[in-house]
Amino acid sequence: MLETFDLISSVIAVDVFEEWSLPAFAMPLKQTLRPAYQQVLNAEAWLRGHFGLYQAEATLSRDAQTFWNAPDPRVQQYSHWRGSGIFADERRWRALGAEHLRLFDEFAAVVGVSREPNRIIEWGCGGGANAVQFARRAQEYIGVEISADSLSECARQLEAEGYRNFTPVLIDASDPEQALQRLSPPCELFLSTYVFELVPTPEYGYRVLRIASEVLADGGMAIIQVKYRTDSWRTMPRRFGYRRNFTAMTTYPIHEFWTEAMRLGFEPKAVRLVPRQPLNGNGDYAYFILRKGGFKEER
């Protein structure tokens, strides 16, 4: 049955209404058909979600690797490249990273961290929106990516801001654990925003969470943003058709992510919900503040 569904899905997998080029006089037809096409996509998502007709993680990992290294016009915007898409607005691009830096300062106060981190690891650094804000706080800023182009762009933005403390780490989406060979000694802050919803499956996300636990020093802090799942089927993880569904590929029940973090050696300290983020027009975000076990609270 799954093979049949994948075959049918391949027929509608092309982003028709993004790629279907028509002369101007025929554009009204395209707009008329769009709602019907969206209903077909919604029906497929509902059926797959309720009957577990998902693609294999290995397939989705391969498709993710291809997508984030392809000349797709969406890649740069969703990788938060300066000047791309909605980030042609300079203030919006800077505000995104600045907001995360403010969250770090607030969260650090909550967990009793008063020292600046010597080493920061950002999992999925993209075009450097976070990096240009956080790099001044650390002696070394390490960016982990599956896209060589994004690593180069992040380095370029940091150099333009006068920072020379960037270490790029390129991995393949199929093997996130390979990053462990390049991420020693331990870091004091592990940062990942707008990434966990893009990974192939929730289980894959927990592999990255395990990596975060392994690379953090005792008492180190992790700030990880995910898309949270609600009672609506629309917030179920897609787990199929990566190129078409990448922005909602993976979601997490808040209690499940919290519990899994504890199992992996973290002490969850807080979670902040952002139902709507005006800087990127999306929402259902949860920011988890986690602290690595084996520490003493500062008083």
Protein backbone atom coordinates (compact mmCIF):
# COMPACT_ATOMS: atom_id res chain seq x y z
CA MET A 1 0.00 0.00 0.00
CA LEU A 2 2.85 2.37 0.86
CA GLU A 3 4.45 1.79 -2.53
CA THR A 4 1.17 2.68 -4.23
CA PHE A 5 0.88 5.84 -2.16
CA ASP A 6 4.44 6.87 -2.99
CA LEU A 7 3.70 6.37 -6.68
CA ILE A 8 0.59 8.53 -6.48
CA SER A 9 2.50 11.09 -4.42
CA SER A 10 5.22 11.30 -7.04
CA VAL A 11 2.62 12.39 -9.57
CA ILE A 12 1.60 15.40 -7.46
CA ALA A 13 4.97 15.98 -5.81
CA VAL A 14 5.98 18.76 -8.16
CA ASP A 15 5.14 22.17 -6.73
CA VAL A 16 2.77 22.78 -9.59
CA PHE A 17 1.70 26.23 -8.61
CA GLU A 18 5.28 27.37 -8.10
CA GLU A 19 6.71 25.85 -11.28
CA TRP A 20 3.81 25.82 -13.75
CA SER A 21 4.74 28.62 -16.10
CA LEU A 22 1.85 30.12 -18.03
CA PRO A 23 1.38 33.17 -20.20
CA ALA A 24 -0.25 36.10 -18.46
CA PHE A 25 -3.68 35.53 -20.03
CA ALA A 26 -3.86 32.03 -18.50
CA MET A 27 -2.91 33.03 -14.95
CA PRO A 28 -6.57 33.25 -13.79
CA LEU A 29 -6.89 29.52 -14.55
CA LYS A 30 -3.89 28.78 -12.40
CA GLN A 31 -5.38 30.72 -9.49
CA THR A 32 -8.76 29.02 -9.94
CA LEU A 33 -7.22 25.56 -9.71
CA ARG A 34 -4.98 26.32 -6.74
CA PRO A 35 -7.59 25.61 -4.01
CA ALA A 36 -8.46 22.23 -5.54
CA TYR A 37 -4.79 21.31 -5.74
CA GLN A 38 -4.32 22.29 -2.09
CA GLN A 39 -7.24 20.08 -1.09
CA VAL A 40 -5.55 17.13 -2.79
CA LEU A 41 -2.37 17.83 -0.85
CA ASN A 42 -4.28 18.12 2.43
CA ALA A 43 -6.08 14.84 1.77
CA GLU A 44 -2.80 13.08 1.14
CA ALA A 45 -1.31 14.48 4.35
CA TRP A 46 -4.35 13.37 6.38
CA LEU A 47 -4.31 9.85 4.97
CA ARG A 48 -0.60 9.38 5.43
CA GLY A 49 -0.69 10.76 8.97
CA HIS A 50 -3.60 8.65 10.14
CA PHE A 51 -2.46 5.41 8.51
CA GLY A 52 1.29 5.84 9.07
CA LEU A 53 2.13 5.83 5.37
CA TYR A 54 5.48 7.51 5.84
CA GLN A 55 8.63 7.45 3.78
CA ALA A 56 11.74 5.86 5.25
CA GLU A 57 14.10 8.11 7.18
CA ALA A 58 16.95 7.19 4.84
CA THR A 59 14.91 8.36 1.85
CA LEU A 60 13.97 11.63 3.53
CA SER A 61 17.58 12.21 4.62
CA ARG A 62 18.75 11.77 1.05
CA ASP A 63 16.05 14.10 -0.22
CA ALA A 64 16.94 16.70 2.43
CA GLN A 65 20.59 16.58 1.41
CA THR A 66 19.60 17.13 -2.22
CA PHE A 67 17.13 19.92 -1.48
CA TRP A 68 19.41 22.08 0.67
CA ASN A 69 22.17 21.83 -1.92
CA ALA A 70 19.97 22.49 -4.97
CA PRO A 71 19.41 25.76 -6.83
CA ASP A 72 15.88 26.05 -5.47
CA PRO A 73 14.84 29.70 -4.93
CA ARG A 74 13.46 28.80 -1.49
CA VAL A 75 16.72 27.47 -0.12
CA GLN A 76 18.41 30.79 0.58
CA GLN A 77 15.38 32.38 2.22
CA TYR A 78 14.70 29.38 4.45
CA SER A 79 18.42 29.25 5.29
CA HIS A 80 18.13 32.89 6.40
CA TRP A 81 20.57 34.35 3.90
CA ARG A 82 20.95 38.09 4.14
CA GLY A 83 19.19 39.81 1.25
CA SER A 84 17.22 36.73 0.15
CA GLY A 85 13.42 36.65 -0.06
CA ILE A 86 11.83 38.23 3.00
CA PHE A 87 15.33 38.89 4.31
CA ALA A 88 15.90 41.49 1.63
CA ASP A 89 14.64 43.57 4.55
CA GLU A 90 17.89 44.16 6.46
CA ARG A 91 16.09 45.00 9.68
CA ARG A 92 14.14 41.74 9.58
CA TRP A 93 17.30 39.69 9.04
CA ARG A 94 19.13 41.33 11.93
CA ALA A 95 16.08 41.21 14.18
CA LEU A 96 15.80 37.42 13.85
CA GLY A 97 19.23 36.75 15.34
CA ALA A 98 18.93 39.61 17.82
CA GLU A 99 15.72 38.12 19.20
CA HIS A 100 17.46 34.80 19.78
CA LEU A 101 20.31 36.56 21.57
CA ARG A 102 17.80 38.24 23.86
CA LEU A 103 16.25 34.83 24.54
CA PHE A 104 19.68 33.49 25.45
CA ASP A 105 20.24 36.31 27.95
CA GLU A 106 16.81 35.75 29.50
CA PHE A 107 17.25 31.99 29.63
CA ALA A 108 20.78 32.29 31.06
CA ALA A 109 19.36 34.31 33.93
CA VAL A 110 16.69 31.65 34.51
CA VAL A 111 19.20 28.80 34.82
CA GLY A 112 21.83 30.81 36.70
CA VAL A 113 24.48 31.10 34.00
CA SER A 114 26.51 34.27 34.40
CA ARG A 115 29.62 33.49 32.33
CA GLU A 116 29.84 33.98 28.58
CA PRO A 117 30.35 30.73 26.62
CA ASN A 118 33.86 30.08 25.30
CA ARG A 119 32.59 27.84 22.51
CA ILE A 120 29.20 27.96 20.81
CA ILE A 121 27.92 25.28 18.45
CA GLU A 122 25.05 26.20 16.16
CA TRP A 123 23.41 23.22 14.51
CA GLY A 124 22.17 24.55 11.18
CA CYS A 125 23.84 27.96 11.01
CA GLY A 126 22.39 28.79 7.58
CA GLY A 127 23.33 32.23 6.30
CA GLY A 128 24.52 33.53 9.64
CA ALA A 129 21.54 35.44 11.10
CA ASN A 130 22.28 33.99 14.56
CA ALA A 131 26.03 33.88 14.08
CA VAL A 132 26.50 37.63 13.57
CA GLN A 133 24.72 38.23 16.88
CA PHE A 134 26.28 35.48 19.00
CA ALA A 135 29.86 35.37 17.67
CA ARG A 136 30.99 38.34 19.74
CA ARG A 137 30.10 36.42 22.89
CA ALA A 138 32.46 33.49 22.26
CA GLN A 139 36.07 32.72 21.50
CA GLU A 140 34.98 30.15 18.90
CA TYR A 141 31.72 29.91 16.97
CA ILE A 142 31.14 26.56 15.27
CA GLY A 143 28.54 26.19 12.54
CA VAL A 144 27.29 22.74 11.53
CA GLU A 145 25.60 22.44 8.15
CA ILE A 146 24.67 20.00 5.39
CA SER A 147 25.14 22.80 2.83
CA ALA A 148 28.61 23.98 1.87
CA ASP A 149 27.08 27.10 0.33
CA SER A 150 25.42 28.07 3.60
CA LEU A 151 28.64 27.52 5.52
CA SER A 152 30.45 29.81 3.07
CA GLU A 153 27.70 32.43 3.36
CA CYS A 154 27.80 32.29 7.15
CA ALA A 155 31.58 32.75 7.09
CA ARG A 156 31.22 35.65 4.66
CA GLN A 157 28.72 37.45 6.88
CA LEU A 158 30.89 36.97 9.97
CA GLU A 159 33.95 38.29 8.17
CA ALA A 160 31.95 41.30 6.99
CA GLU A 161 31.11 42.00 10.65
CA GLY A 162 34.78 41.71 11.64
CA TYR A 163 34.70 38.26 13.29
CA ARG A 164 37.45 35.70 12.66
CA ASN A 165 36.39 33.02 15.13
CA PHE A 166 34.22 30.85 12.87
CA THR A 167 34.79 27.12 12.44
CA PRO A 168 32.70 25.46 9.71
CA VAL A 169 31.68 21.80 10.02
CA LEU A 170 30.15 20.18 6.93
CA ILE A 171 28.22 16.92 7.36
CA ASP A 172 25.91 14.76 5.30
CA ALA A 173 22.26 14.63 6.33
CA SER A 174 22.36 10.84 6.35
CA ASP A 175 24.94 10.74 9.17
CA PRO A 176 24.62 13.57 11.71
CA GLU A 177 26.81 11.69 14.19
CA GLN A 178 29.83 12.29 11.97
CA ALA A 179 29.88 15.81 13.43
CA LEU A 180 31.08 14.38 16.73
CA GLN A 181 34.52 13.85 15.22
CA ARG A 182 34.84 17.61 14.73
CA LEU A 183 33.09 18.95 17.83
CA SER A 184 35.61 18.57 20.62
CA PRO A 185 36.45 19.89 23.17
CA PRO A 186 33.03 20.46 24.75
CA CYS A 187 31.07 23.66 24.25
CA GLU A 188 29.11 25.77 26.72
CA LEU A 189 26.18 26.62 24.43
CA PHE A 190 24.41 24.50 21.82
CA LEU A 191 22.05 26.53 19.66
CA SER A 192 19.59 25.33 17.02
CA THR A 193 16.70 27.41 15.68
CA TYR A 194 14.43 26.77 12.68
CA VAL A 195 16.14 23.43 12.11
CA PHE A 196 14.37 20.68 14.07
CA GLU A 197 11.19 21.07 11.99
CA LEU A 198 13.29 20.50 8.85
CA VAL A 199 14.89 17.21 9.89
CA PRO A 200 13.50 14.03 8.30
CA THR A 201 11.74 12.49 11.33
CA PRO A 202 11.23 13.10 15.06
CA GLU A 203 13.59 10.21 15.76
CA TYR A 204 16.27 11.97 13.72
CA GLY A 205 15.72 15.09 15.81
CA TYR A 206 16.33 13.09 18.97
CA ARG A 207 19.60 11.85 17.47
CA VAL A 208 20.66 15.49 17.16
CA LEU A 209 19.49 16.10 20.73
CA ARG A 210 21.73 13.23 21.83
CA ILE A 211 24.63 14.82 19.96
CA ALA A 212 23.93 18.09 21.79
CA SER A 213 24.15 16.25 25.11
CA GLU A 214 27.45 14.65 24.12
CA VAL A 215 29.15 17.86 22.96
CA LEU A 216 28.04 20.08 25.85
CA ALA A 217 30.19 20.51 28.92
CA ASP A 218 28.59 19.66 32.25
CA GLY A 219 26.42 22.60 33.17
CA GLY A 220 26.32 23.76 29.55
CA MET A 221 23.11 25.12 28.07
CA ALA A 222 21.15 24.20 24.96
CA ILE A 223 18.54 26.39 23.29
CA ILE A 224 16.55 24.33 20.82
CA GLN A 225 13.51 25.52 18.91
CA VAL A 226 11.00 23.04 17.51
CA LYS A 227 7.56 23.14 15.96
CA TYR A 228 5.12 21.80 18.50
CA ARG A 229 2.27 19.44 17.78
CA THR A 230 -1.30 20.19 18.87
CA ASP A 231 -4.53 18.17 18.69
CA SER A 232 -5.02 19.21 15.05
CA TRP A 233 -3.99 16.73 12.37
CA ARG A 234 -2.52 19.66 10.47
CA THR A 235 0.33 19.80 12.99
CA MET A 236 1.25 16.13 12.59
CA PRO A 237 4.75 15.55 11.18
CA ARG A 238 4.58 15.09 7.42
CA ARG A 239 7.40 12.54 7.01
CA PHE A 240 6.97 12.34 3.24
CA GLY A 241 7.61 14.44 0.15
CA TYR A 242 10.54 16.38 1.59
CA ARG A 243 10.80 19.01 -1.11
CA ARG A 244 7.12 19.86 -0.83
CA ASN A 245 6.68 19.54 2.93
CA PHE A 246 10.05 20.50 4.37
CA THR A 247 8.75 23.34 6.58
CA ALA A 248 6.48 20.94 8.50
CA MET A 249 8.47 17.73 8.08
CA THR A 250 8.81 17.14 11.81
CA THR A 251 6.82 18.28 14.85
CA TYR A 252 6.95 17.26 18.50
CA PRO A 253 4.48 17.05 21.39
CA ILE A 254 5.91 19.40 24.01
CA HIS A 255 5.75 16.84 26.83
CA GLU A 256 7.47 14.21 24.68
CA PHE A 257 10.39 16.47 23.76
CA TRP A 258 10.76 17.51 27.40
CA THR A 259 10.79 13.87 28.56
CA GLU A 260 13.24 12.77 25.86
CA ALA A 261 15.59 15.59 26.82
CA MET A 262 15.59 14.31 30.40
CA ARG A 263 16.32 10.78 29.21
CA LEU A 264 19.32 12.05 27.28
CA GLY A 265 20.88 13.72 30.29
CA PHE A 266 19.40 17.21 30.20
CA GLU A 267 17.57 19.07 32.90
CA PRO A 268 14.82 20.99 31.12
CA LYS A 269 14.47 24.40 32.71
CA ALA A 270 11.81 26.19 30.70
CA VAL A 271 9.93 26.30 27.44
CA ARG A 272 8.65 29.38 25.66
CA LEU A 273 5.81 29.07 23.16
CA VAL A 274 5.59 31.36 20.14
CA PRO A 275 2.28 30.66 18.38
CA ARG A 276 3.07 33.27 15.73
CA GLN A 277 6.43 34.72 14.67
CA PRO A 278 5.94 37.92 12.63
CA LEU A 279 9.56 37.95 11.48
CA ASN A 280 9.03 34.91 9.26
CA GLY A 281 5.23 34.59 9.12
CA ASN A 282 5.17 31.11 10.66
CA GLY A 283 4.43 29.78 14.10
CA ASP A 284 3.72 26.92 16.52
CA TYR A 285 7.27 27.31 17.82
CA ALA A 286 8.56 26.09 21.17
CA TYR A 287 11.94 27.19 22.52
CA PHE A 288 13.37 24.72 25.03
CA ILE A 289 16.02 25.76 27.50
CA LEU A 290 17.99 22.71 28.61
CA ARG A 291 20.95 22.33 30.89
CA LYS A 292 23.40 19.45 30.80
CA GLY A 293 23.42 17.31 33.93
CA GLY A 294 26.30 17.03 36.35
CA PHE A 295 26.37 20.64 37.46
CA LYS A 296 25.79 22.76 40.51
CA GLU A 297 23.35 25.63 40.36
CA GLU A 298 25.00 29.01 40.71
CA ARG A 299 23.69 30.99 43.64
